Protein backbone atom coordinates (compact mmCIF):
# COMPACT_ATOMS: atom_id res chain seq x y z
CA MET A 1 116.84 129.74 53.93
CA CYS A 2 116.74 130.54 57.65
CA THR A 3 115.51 128.01 59.88
CA THR A 4 114.16 129.38 63.23
CA ILE A 5 114.56 126.55 66.01
CA GLN A 6 111.49 126.97 68.75
CA ALA A 7 112.26 126.09 72.33
CA GLU A 8 109.29 123.62 73.61
CA ASN A 9 106.75 125.22 76.02
CA PRO A 10 108.26 123.67 79.35
CA THR A 11 104.62 124.15 80.82
CA LYS A 12 103.27 122.28 77.56
CA LYS A 13 105.70 119.40 78.28
CA ALA A 14 105.10 119.59 81.73
CA ALA A 15 101.16 119.24 81.14
CA GLU A 16 102.19 115.99 78.84
CA ASP A 17 104.53 114.32 81.06
CA GLN A 18 101.91 114.49 84.22
CA ALA A 19 99.05 113.16 81.96
CA VAL A 20 101.91 110.20 81.39
CA LEU A 21 102.63 109.66 85.03
CA GLN A 22 98.62 109.70 85.63
CA GLU A 23 97.79 107.50 83.26
CA PHE A 24 100.91 104.46 84.34
CA PHE A 25 99.43 105.47 87.80
CA LYS A 26 95.73 104.30 87.22
CA GLY A 27 97.34 101.15 85.33
CA VAL A 28 99.24 100.21 88.23
CA ARG A 29 95.78 100.84 90.65
CA GLU A 30 93.91 98.59 88.12
CA CYS A 31 96.32 96.32 88.36
CA GLN A 32 95.89 96.09 92.09
CA THR A 33 92.37 95.95 91.99
CA GLU A 34 91.68 93.16 89.86
CA SER A 35 95.12 91.34 91.58
CA LYS A 36 92.99 91.57 94.88
CA ALA A 37 90.02 90.32 92.73
CA ALA A 38 91.75 87.41 91.49
CA ALA A 39 92.95 86.16 94.72
CA LEU A 40 89.71 86.41 96.46
CA ALA A 41 88.02 84.69 93.77
CA GLY A 42 91.09 82.10 93.75
CA ILE A 43 90.59 81.06 97.15
CA GLU A 44 86.75 80.74 97.03
CA ALA A 45 87.53 78.38 93.83
CA LEU A 46 90.11 76.68 95.91
CA ASN A 47 87.77 76.14 98.66
CA ARG A 48 85.15 74.00 96.22
CA LEU A 49 88.07 72.44 95.05
CA ILE A 50 88.89 71.01 98.08
CA GLU A 51 85.11 69.97 98.90
CA ALA A 52 84.93 68.42 95.46
CA CYS A 53 88.13 66.21 96.62
CA ARG A 54 86.68 65.04 99.51
CA HIS A 55 84.93 62.42 97.10
CA GLN A 56 87.90 60.70 96.20
CA SER A 57 87.06 60.27 93.35
CA GLY A 58 88.80 60.11 89.63
CA GLN A 59 88.65 63.58 89.11
CA SER A 60 90.01 64.94 92.80
CA TYR A 61 92.95 63.06 91.91
CA LYS A 62 93.49 64.72 88.65
CA ILE A 63 92.77 68.27 91.10
CA ARG A 64 95.10 67.31 93.67
CA SER A 65 97.70 66.50 90.97
CA MET A 66 97.31 70.07 89.24
CA LEU A 67 97.20 72.28 92.65
CA TYR A 68 99.95 70.32 94.30
CA SER A 69 102.35 71.26 91.29
CA LEU A 70 101.03 74.95 91.72
CA PHE A 71 102.00 74.94 95.04
CA ASN A 72 105.60 73.15 94.62
CA GLY A 73 106.17 73.42 90.82
CA GLN A 74 106.30 69.47 90.26
CA PRO A 75 105.25 68.94 86.67
CA ALA A 76 101.77 67.55 86.47
CA ASP A 77 99.85 66.77 83.29
CA MET A 78 97.67 69.57 82.33
CA SER A 79 95.82 68.02 79.76
CA ASP A 80 94.22 66.36 82.78
CA ILE A 81 92.07 69.56 82.75
CA GLN A 82 90.17 68.73 79.93
CA THR A 83 88.45 65.71 81.61
CA LEU A 84 87.44 67.87 84.07
CA ASP A 85 83.90 69.29 84.58
CA TRP A 86 83.20 72.22 83.51
CA ALA A 87 82.71 74.21 86.77
CA LEU A 88 85.98 72.45 88.09
CA ARG A 89 87.55 74.02 85.28
CA LYS A 90 87.22 77.18 85.95
CA ASP A 91 87.68 76.83 89.73
CA LEU A 92 91.21 75.47 88.92
CA THR A 93 92.22 78.69 86.30
CA ALA A 94 90.72 80.58 89.20
CA VAL A 95 93.49 79.07 91.47
CA ALA A 96 96.04 79.49 89.03
CA LEU A 97 95.17 83.04 88.13
CA GLY A 98 94.69 84.48 92.07
CA MET A 99 97.66 82.25 93.37
CA GLY A 100 100.86 84.72 94.30
CA CYS A 101 98.45 87.82 94.41
CA PRO A 102 98.24 89.69 97.63
CA GLY A 103 96.45 87.57 99.82
CA PHE A 104 96.88 84.39 98.23
CA PRO A 105 100.53 83.13 98.30
CA ASP A 106 101.32 79.60 97.30
CA TYR A 107 101.66 77.92 100.35
CA LEU A 108 97.80 78.60 100.94
CA ILE A 109 96.92 75.51 99.02
CA LYS A 110 98.41 73.56 101.76
CA GLU A 111 97.21 75.00 104.49
CA MET A 112 93.54 75.42 103.26
CA PHE A 113 93.83 71.19 102.70
CA LYS A 114 95.27 70.91 105.79
CA ALA A 115 92.20 73.16 107.61
CA ALA A 116 89.98 70.57 105.79
CA LYS A 117 91.40 67.54 107.14
CA LEU A 118 92.62 66.42 103.58
CA GLY A 119 96.27 67.51 104.21
CA LYS A 120 97.75 64.20 104.29
CA TRP A 121 95.89 63.13 101.14
CA PHE A 122 97.15 66.52 99.60
CA LEU A 123 100.74 65.69 100.08
CA GLU A 124 100.72 62.26 98.87
CA ALA A 125 100.41 63.72 95.40
CA GLN A 126 104.35 64.30 95.79
CA HIS A 127 104.39 60.45 95.33
CA THR A 128 102.81 60.22 92.21
CA LYS A 129 103.27 61.10 88.60
């Protein structure tokens, strides 16, 4: 029995490679678009959380603790999120999702608290557990 070896069609192979690359770069562009949107949504949510912290209620201390943890990595009791109002929960998760994306560096949390005249109060979180 004789078998023949067929050479790959270089044109077909190049077209397949091009399609794979196009799909890859499409995914990259989608990730970039989503991360920009997440950063913007996170910053908007952070503004709302800072406003909620002005009341310095029980919820505000929990928000501060979790935001401080995102800011510097200090451990926080994330089960506290269960005790927050629904809107605050959504905002906190939006901040977590958007932080680190282009346009939302971690230090922006501290800077926005400072701009809202709550910087000292925010940084007091480092002395609490």
